[in-house]
Amino acid sequence: MLHIRYFFERHGFSVCSRLAELMGIRVKNVRIFFIYSSFFSIGIGFIFYLILAFWLKIKDLISTKKSSVFDL
């Protein structure tokens, strides 16, 4: 079970860890929030999670493409 958990933590989108770091709370609490919200709202929490994941991925791609003036 731990092997599966570590696999998803290494290859996941890291939305929960970024949100937890931004808000200053534990990652476990953010993950539990997404799990409960997806159960209670019939998938809206999961859709919100995917939107955040893709938004963070695009943000990372844009920020890495910016080059410095000194790189020319």
PDB file of N, CA and C in Angstrom:
ATOM      1  N   MET A   1       0.824  -1.190   0.000  1.00  0.00           N
ATOM      2  CA  MET A   1       0.000   0.000   0.000  1.00  0.00           C
ATOM      3  C   MET A   1       0.875   1.264   0.000  1.00  0.00           C
ATOM      4  N   LEU A   2       1.964   1.228   0.743  1.00  0.00           N
ATOM      5  CA  LEU A   2       2.848   2.395   0.767  1.00  0.00           C
ATOM      6  C   LEU A   2       3.515   2.619  -0.581  1.00  0.00           C
ATOM      7  N   HIS A   3       3.789   1.533  -1.307  1.00  0.00           N
ATOM      8  CA  HIS A   3       4.399   1.656  -2.628  1.00  0.00           C
ATOM      9  C   HIS A   3       3.470   2.425  -3.578  1.00  0.00           C
ATOM     10  N   ILE A   4       2.195   2.126  -3.516  1.00  0.00           N
ATOM     11  CA  ILE A   4       1.222   2.830  -4.354  1.00  0.00           C
ATOM     12  C   ILE A   4       1.139   4.298  -3.960  1.00  0.00           C
ATOM     13  N   ARG A   5       1.140   4.554  -2.670  1.00  0.00           N
ATOM     14  CA  ARG A   5       1.068   5.935  -2.182  1.00  0.00           C
ATOM     15  C   ARG A   5       2.283   6.739  -2.645  1.00  0.00           C
ATOM     16  N   TYR A   6       3.481   6.162  -2.520  1.00  0.00           N
ATOM     17  CA  TYR A   6       4.687   6.863  -2.935  1.00  0.00           C
ATOM     18  C   TYR A   6       4.720   7.080  -4.448  1.00  0.00           C
ATOM     19  N   PHE A   7       4.172   6.128  -5.198  1.00  0.00           N
ATOM     20  CA  PHE A   7       4.108   6.294  -6.651  1.00  0.00           C
ATOM     21  C   PHE A   7       3.262   7.516  -7.009  1.00  0.00           C
ATOM     22  N   PHE A   8       2.086   7.634  -6.407  1.00  0.00           N
ATOM     23  CA  PHE A   8       1.210   8.764  -6.724  1.00  0.00           C
ATOM     24  C   PHE A   8       1.771  10.079  -6.193  1.00  0.00           C
ATOM     25  N   GLU A   9       2.493  10.047  -5.093  1.00  0.00           N
ATOM     26  CA  GLU A   9       3.091  11.277  -4.588  1.00  0.00           C
ATOM     27  C   GLU A   9       4.229  11.752  -5.486  1.00  0.00           C
ATOM     28  N   ARG A  10       4.986  10.816  -6.064  1.00  0.00           N
ATOM     29  CA  ARG A  10       6.079  11.205  -6.954  1.00  0.00           C
ATOM     30  C   ARG A  10       5.586  11.657  -8.316  1.00  0.00           C
ATOM     31  N   HIS A  11       4.572  10.989  -8.856  1.00  0.00           N
ATOM     32  CA  HIS A  11       4.140  11.255 -10.224  1.00  0.00           C
ATOM     33  C   HIS A  11       2.827  12.023 -10.313  1.00  0.00           C
ATOM     34  N   GLY A  12       2.317  12.495  -9.222  1.00  0.00           N
ATOM     35  CA  GLY A  12       1.063  13.229  -9.223  1.00  0.00           C
ATOM     36  C   GLY A  12       1.266  14.675  -9.622  1.00  0.00           C
ATOM     37  N   PHE A  13       0.201  15.416  -9.588  1.00  0.00           N
ATOM     38  CA  PHE A  13       0.256  16.815  -9.983  1.00  0.00           C
ATOM     39  C   PHE A  13       0.741  17.714  -8.855  1.00  0.00           C
ATOM     40  N   SER A  14       0.781  17.227  -7.648  1.00  0.00           N
ATOM     41  CA  SER A  14       1.202  17.950  -6.433  1.00  0.00           C
ATOM     42  C   SER A  14       0.342  19.171  -6.150  1.00  0.00           C
ATOM     43  N   VAL A  15      -0.919  19.082  -6.461  1.00  0.00           N
ATOM     44  CA  VAL A  15      -1.846  20.178  -6.176  1.00  0.00           C
ATOM     45  C   VAL A  15      -2.017  20.326  -4.678  1.00  0.00           C
ATOM     46  N   CYS A  16      -2.208  19.231  -3.996  1.00  0.00           N
ATOM     47  CA  CYS A  16      -2.457  19.291  -2.554  1.00  0.00           C
ATOM     48  C   CYS A  16      -1.261  19.846  -1.809  1.00  0.00           C
ATOM     49  N   SER A  17      -0.078  19.432  -2.174  1.00  0.00           N
ATOM     50  CA  SER A  17       1.100  19.924  -1.467  1.00  0.00           C
ATOM     51  C   SER A  17       1.335  21.407  -1.729  1.00  0.00           C
ATOM     52  N   ARG A  18       1.067  21.854  -2.939  1.00  0.00           N
ATOM     53  CA  ARG A  18       1.226  23.279  -3.232  1.00  0.00           C
ATOM     54  C   ARG A  18       0.201  24.122  -2.487  1.00  0.00           C
ATOM     55  N   LEU A  19      -1.054  23.654  -2.462  1.00  0.00           N
ATOM     56  CA  LEU A  19      -2.074  24.395  -1.735  1.00  0.00           C
ATOM     57  C   LEU A  19      -1.783  24.416  -0.242  1.00  0.00           C
ATOM     58  N   ALA A  20      -1.330  23.305   0.293  1.00  0.00           N
ATOM     59  CA  ALA A  20      -1.004  23.245   1.717  1.00  0.00           C
ATOM     60  C   ALA A  20       0.162  24.167   2.045  1.00  0.00           C
ATOM     61  N   GLU A  21       1.143  24.206   1.179  1.00  0.00           N
ATOM     62  CA  GLU A  21       2.284  25.091   1.400  1.00  0.00           C
ATOM     63  C   GLU A  21       1.863  26.547   1.321  1.00  0.00           C
ATOM     64  N   LEU A  22       0.985  26.861   0.382  1.00  0.00           N
ATOM     65  CA  LEU A  22       0.506  28.226   0.213  1.00  0.00           C
ATOM     66  C   LEU A  22      -0.314  28.685   1.411  1.00  0.00           C
ATOM     67  N   MET A  23      -1.170  27.803   1.933  1.00  0.00           N
ATOM     68  CA  MET A  23      -2.043  28.164   3.050  1.00  0.00           C
ATOM     69  C   MET A  23      -1.421  27.897   4.411  1.00  0.00           C
ATOM     70  N   GLY A  24      -0.307  27.181   4.452  1.00  0.00           N
ATOM     71  CA  GLY A  24       0.368  26.923   5.707  1.00  0.00           C
ATOM     72  C   GLY A  24      -0.288  25.854   6.563  1.00  0.00           C
ATOM     73  N   ILE A  25      -0.907  24.861   5.918  1.00  0.00           N
ATOM     74  CA  ILE A  25      -1.542  23.766   6.656  1.00  0.00           C
ATOM     75  C   ILE A  25      -0.942  22.447   6.199  1.00  0.00           C
ATOM     76  N   ARG A  26      -1.360  21.367   6.844  1.00  0.00           N
ATOM     77  CA  ARG A  26      -0.831  20.049   6.514  1.00  0.00           C
ATOM     78  C   ARG A  26      -1.424  19.528   5.204  1.00  0.00           C
ATOM     79  N   VAL A  27      -0.618  18.793   4.471  1.00  0.00           N
ATOM     80  CA  VAL A  27      -1.036  18.231   3.187  1.00  0.00           C
ATOM     81  C   VAL A  27      -2.169  17.239   3.398  1.00  0.00           C
ATOM     82  N   LYS A  28      -2.111  16.505   4.481  1.00  0.00           N
ATOM     83  CA  LYS A  28      -3.140  15.514   4.781  1.00  0.00           C
ATOM     84  C   LYS A  28      -4.523  16.158   4.879  1.00  0.00           C
ATOM     85  N   ASN A  29      -4.611  17.328   5.484  1.00  0.00           N
ATOM     86  CA  ASN A  29      -5.901  18.012   5.621  1.00  0.00           C
ATOM     87  C   ASN A  29      -6.455  18.456   4.269  1.00  0.00           C
ATOM     88  N   VAL A  30      -5.583  18.880   3.380  1.00  0.00           N
ATOM     89  CA  VAL A  30      -6.034  19.298   2.049  1.00  0.00           C
ATOM     90  C   VAL A  30      -6.536  18.090   1.261  1.00  0.00           C
ATOM     91  N   ARG A  31      -5.825  16.978   1.358  1.00  0.00           N
ATOM     92  CA  ARG A  31      -6.258  15.766   0.662  1.00  0.00           C
ATOM     93  C   ARG A  31      -7.597  15.274   1.186  1.00  0.00           C
ATOM     94  N   ILE A  32      -7.775  15.306   2.497  1.00  0.00           N
ATOM     95  CA  ILE A  32      -9.050  14.887   3.087  1.00  0.00           C
ATOM     96  C   ILE A  32     -10.177  15.805   2.632  1.00  0.00           C
ATOM     97  N   PHE A  33      -9.897  17.108   2.525  1.00  0.00           N
ATOM     98  CA  PHE A  33     -10.907  18.038   2.033  1.00  0.00           C
ATOM     99  C   PHE A  33     -11.347  17.669   0.614  1.00  0.00           C
ATOM    100  N   PHE A  34     -10.398  17.366  -0.277  1.00  0.00           N
ATOM    101  CA  PHE A  34     -10.754  17.005  -1.645  1.00  0.00           C
ATOM    102  C   PHE A  34     -11.528  15.684  -1.692  1.00  0.00           C
ATOM    103  N   ILE A  35     -11.163  14.743  -0.852  1.00  0.00           N
ATOM    104  CA  ILE A  35     -11.878  13.467  -0.822  1.00  0.00           C
ATOM    105  C   ILE A  35     -13.310  13.663  -0.359  1.00  0.00           C
ATOM    106  N   TYR A  36     -13.498  14.372   0.741  1.00  0.00           N
ATOM    107  CA  TYR A  36     -14.860  14.594   1.260  1.00  0.00           C
ATOM    108  C   TYR A  36     -15.694  15.446   0.315  1.00  0.00           C
ATOM    109  N   SER A  37     -15.080  16.466  -0.273  1.00  0.00           N
ATOM    110  CA  SER A  37     -15.862  17.318  -1.173  1.00  0.00           C
ATOM    111  C   SER A  37     -16.280  16.562  -2.430  1.00  0.00           C
ATOM    112  N   SER A  38     -15.459  15.627  -2.883  1.00  0.00           N
ATOM    113  CA  SER A  38     -15.858  14.866  -4.070  1.00  0.00           C
ATOM    114  C   SER A  38     -16.979  13.877  -3.734  1.00  0.00           C
ATOM    115  N   PHE A  39     -17.002  13.353  -2.522  1.00  0.00           N
ATOM    116  CA  PHE A  39     -18.091  12.459  -2.129  1.00  0.00           C
ATOM    117  C   PHE A  39     -19.400  13.216  -1.928  1.00  0.00           C
ATOM    118  N   PHE A  40     -19.328  14.349  -1.266  1.00  0.00           N
ATOM    119  CA  PHE A  40     -20.545  15.088  -0.943  1.00  0.00           C
ATOM    120  C   PHE A  40     -21.127  15.851  -2.132  1.00  0.00           C
ATOM    121  N   SER A  41     -20.287  16.265  -3.036  1.00  0.00           N
ATOM    122  CA  SER A  41     -20.792  17.063  -4.149  1.00  0.00           C
ATOM    123  C   SER A  41     -20.821  16.289  -5.460  1.00  0.00           C
ATOM    124  N   ILE A  42     -20.716  15.005  -5.382  1.00  0.00           N
ATOM    125  CA  ILE A  42     -20.816  14.106  -6.528  1.00  0.00           C
ATOM    126  C   ILE A  42     -19.829  14.494  -7.628  1.00  0.00           C
ATOM    127  N   GLY A  43     -18.580  14.609  -7.269  1.00  0.00           N
ATOM    128  CA  GLY A  43     -17.534  14.794  -8.261  1.00  0.00           C
ATOM    129  C   GLY A  43     -17.075  16.206  -8.512  1.00  0.00           C
ATOM    130  N   ILE A  44     -17.730  17.200  -7.961  1.00  0.00           N
ATOM    131  CA  ILE A  44     -17.311  18.581  -8.221  1.00  0.00           C
ATOM    132  C   ILE A  44     -15.935  18.840  -7.606  1.00  0.00           C
ATOM    133  N   GLY A  45     -15.652  18.236  -6.455  1.00  0.00           N
ATOM    134  CA  GLY A  45     -14.336  18.384  -5.843  1.00  0.00           C
ATOM    135  C   GLY A  45     -13.243  17.800  -6.714  1.00  0.00           C
ATOM    136  N   PHE A  46     -13.522  16.666  -7.347  1.00  0.00           N
ATOM    137  CA  PHE A  46     -12.546  16.048  -8.243  1.00  0.00           C
ATOM    138  C   PHE A  46     -12.324  16.912  -9.479  1.00  0.00           C
ATOM    139  N   ILE A  47     -13.364  17.481 -10.013  1.00  0.00           N
ATOM    140  CA  ILE A  47     -13.236  18.369 -11.174  1.00  0.00           C
ATOM    141  C   ILE A  47     -12.444  19.618 -10.796  1.00  0.00           C
ATOM    142  N   PHE A  48     -12.707  20.158  -9.604  1.00  0.00           N
ATOM    143  CA  PHE A  48     -11.966  21.315  -9.111  1.00  0.00           C
ATOM    144  C   PHE A  48     -10.485  20.971  -8.959  1.00  0.00           C
ATOM    145  N   TYR A  49     -10.187  19.774  -8.474  1.00  0.00           N
ATOM    146  CA  TYR A  49      -8.811  19.302  -8.330  1.00  0.00           C
ATOM    147  C   TYR A  49      -8.120  19.231  -9.691  1.00  0.00           C
ATOM    148  N   LEU A  50      -8.792  18.693 -10.693  1.00  0.00           N
ATOM    149  CA  LEU A  50      -8.195  18.597 -12.029  1.00  0.00           C
ATOM    150  C   LEU A  50      -7.958  19.975 -12.639  1.00  0.00           C
ATOM    151  N   ILE A  51      -8.883  20.891 -12.432  1.00  0.00           N
ATOM    152  CA  ILE A  51      -8.702  22.250 -12.947  1.00  0.00           C
ATOM    153  C   ILE A  51      -7.477  22.895 -12.314  1.00  0.00           C
ATOM    154  N   LEU A  52      -7.339  22.738 -10.994  1.00  0.00           N
ATOM    155  CA  LEU A  52      -6.162  23.284 -10.318  1.00  0.00           C
ATOM    156  C   LEU A  52      -4.873  22.623 -10.796  1.00  0.00           C
ATOM    157  N   ALA A  53      -4.917  21.330 -11.025  1.00  0.00           N
ATOM    158  CA  ALA A  53      -3.723  20.615 -11.473  1.00  0.00           C
ATOM    159  C   ALA A  53      -3.266  21.107 -12.842  1.00  0.00           C
ATOM    160  N   PHE A  54      -4.186  21.256 -13.761  1.00  0.00           N
ATOM    161  CA  PHE A  54      -3.813  21.722 -15.091  1.00  0.00           C
ATOM    162  C   PHE A  54      -3.394  23.183 -15.075  1.00  0.00           C
ATOM    163  N   TRP A  55      -4.027  23.984 -14.228  1.00  0.00           N
ATOM    164  CA  TRP A  55      -3.660  25.387 -14.107  1.00  0.00           C
ATOM    165  C   TRP A  55      -2.232  25.516 -13.576  1.00  0.00           C
ATOM    166  N   LEU A  56      -1.884  24.731 -12.563  1.00  0.00           N
ATOM    167  CA  LEU A  56      -0.536  24.766 -12.019  1.00  0.00           C
ATOM    168  C   LEU A  56       0.489  24.262 -13.032  1.00  0.00           C
ATOM    169  N   LYS A  57       0.124  23.250 -13.816  1.00  0.00           N
ATOM    170  CA  LYS A  57       1.030  22.722 -14.840  1.00  0.00           C
ATOM    171  C   LYS A  57       1.299  23.769 -15.917  1.00  0.00           C
ATOM    172  N   ILE A  58       0.259  24.456 -16.358  1.00  0.00           N
ATOM    173  CA  ILE A  58       0.429  25.508 -17.365  1.00  0.00           C
ATOM    174  C   ILE A  58       1.247  26.662 -16.794  1.00  0.00           C
ATOM    175  N   LYS A  59       1.005  27.006 -15.538  1.00  0.00           N
ATOM    176  CA  LYS A  59       1.765  28.066 -14.885  1.00  0.00           C
ATOM    177  C   LYS A  59       3.243  27.714 -14.832  1.00  0.00           C
ATOM    178  N   ASP A  60       3.563  26.460 -14.527  1.00  0.00           N
ATOM    179  CA  ASP A  60       4.958  26.027 -14.505  1.00  0.00           C
ATOM    180  C   ASP A  60       5.584  26.090 -15.890  1.00  0.00           C
ATOM    181  N   LEU A  61       4.851  25.698 -16.911  1.00  0.00           N
ATOM    182  CA  LEU A  61       5.384  25.740 -18.277  1.00  0.00           C
ATOM    183  C   LEU A  61       5.648  27.164 -18.732  1.00  0.00           C
ATOM    184  N   ILE A  62       4.763  28.081 -18.386  1.00  0.00           N
ATOM    185  CA  ILE A  62       4.949  29.475 -18.783  1.00  0.00           C
ATOM    186  C   ILE A  62       6.127  30.089 -18.050  1.00  0.00           C
ATOM    187  N   SER A  63       6.251  29.788 -16.753  1.00  0.00           N
ATOM    188  CA  SER A  63       7.338  30.394 -15.985  1.00  0.00           C
ATOM    189  C   SER A  63       8.703  29.830 -16.377  1.00  0.00           C
ATOM    190  N   THR A  64       8.770  28.615 -16.864  1.00  0.00           N
ATOM    191  CA  THR A  64      10.062  28.069 -17.283  1.00  0.00           C
ATOM    192  C   THR A  64      10.454  28.548 -18.671  1.00  0.00           C
ATOM    193  N   LYS A  65       9.517  28.980 -19.489  1.00  0.00           N
ATOM    194  CA  LYS A  65       9.846  29.438 -20.838  1.00  0.00           C
ATOM    195  C   LYS A  65      10.378  30.859 -20.847  1.00  0.00           C
ATOM    196  N   LYS A  66      10.153  31.624 -19.807  1.00  0.00           N
ATOM    197  CA  LYS A  66      10.680  32.981 -19.760  1.00  0.00           C
ATOM    198  C   LYS A  66      12.193  32.905 -19.611  1.00  0.00           C
ATOM    199  N   SER A  67      12.878  33.573 -20.494  1.00  0.00           N
ATOM    200  CA  SER A  67      14.329  33.560 -20.429  1.00  0.00           C
ATOM    201  C   SER A  67      14.826  34.922 -19.956  1.00  0.00           C
ATOM    202  N   SER A  68      15.989  34.907 -19.449  1.00  0.00           N
ATOM    203  CA  SER A  68      16.602  36.122 -18.971  1.00  0.00           C
ATOM    204  C   SER A  68      17.272  36.858 -20.125  1.00  0.00           C
ATOM    205  N   VAL A  69      17.499  38.117 -19.937  1.00  0.00           N
ATOM    206  CA  VAL A  69      18.205  38.916 -20.931  1.00  0.00           C
ATOM    207  C   VAL A  69      19.648  38.440 -21.060  1.00  0.00           C
ATOM    208  N   PHE A  70      20.186  37.929 -19.963  1.00  0.00           N
ATOM    209  CA  PHE A  70      21.583  37.516 -19.951  1.00  0.00           C
ATOM    210  C   PHE A  70      21.805  36.168 -20.610  1.00  0.00           C
ATOM    211  N   ASP A  71      20.721  35.439 -20.926  1.00  0.00           N
ATOM    212  CA  ASP A  71      20.852  34.130 -21.580  1.00  0.00           C
ATOM    213  C   ASP A  71      21.105  34.245 -23.086  1.00  0.00           C
ATOM    214  N   LEU A  72      20.963  35.435 -23.642  1.00  0.00           N
ATOM    215  CA  LEU A  72      21.166  35.607 -25.066  1.00  0.00           C
ATOM    216  C   LEU A  72      22.612  35.490 -25.351  1.00  0.00           C
TER     217      LEU A  72
END
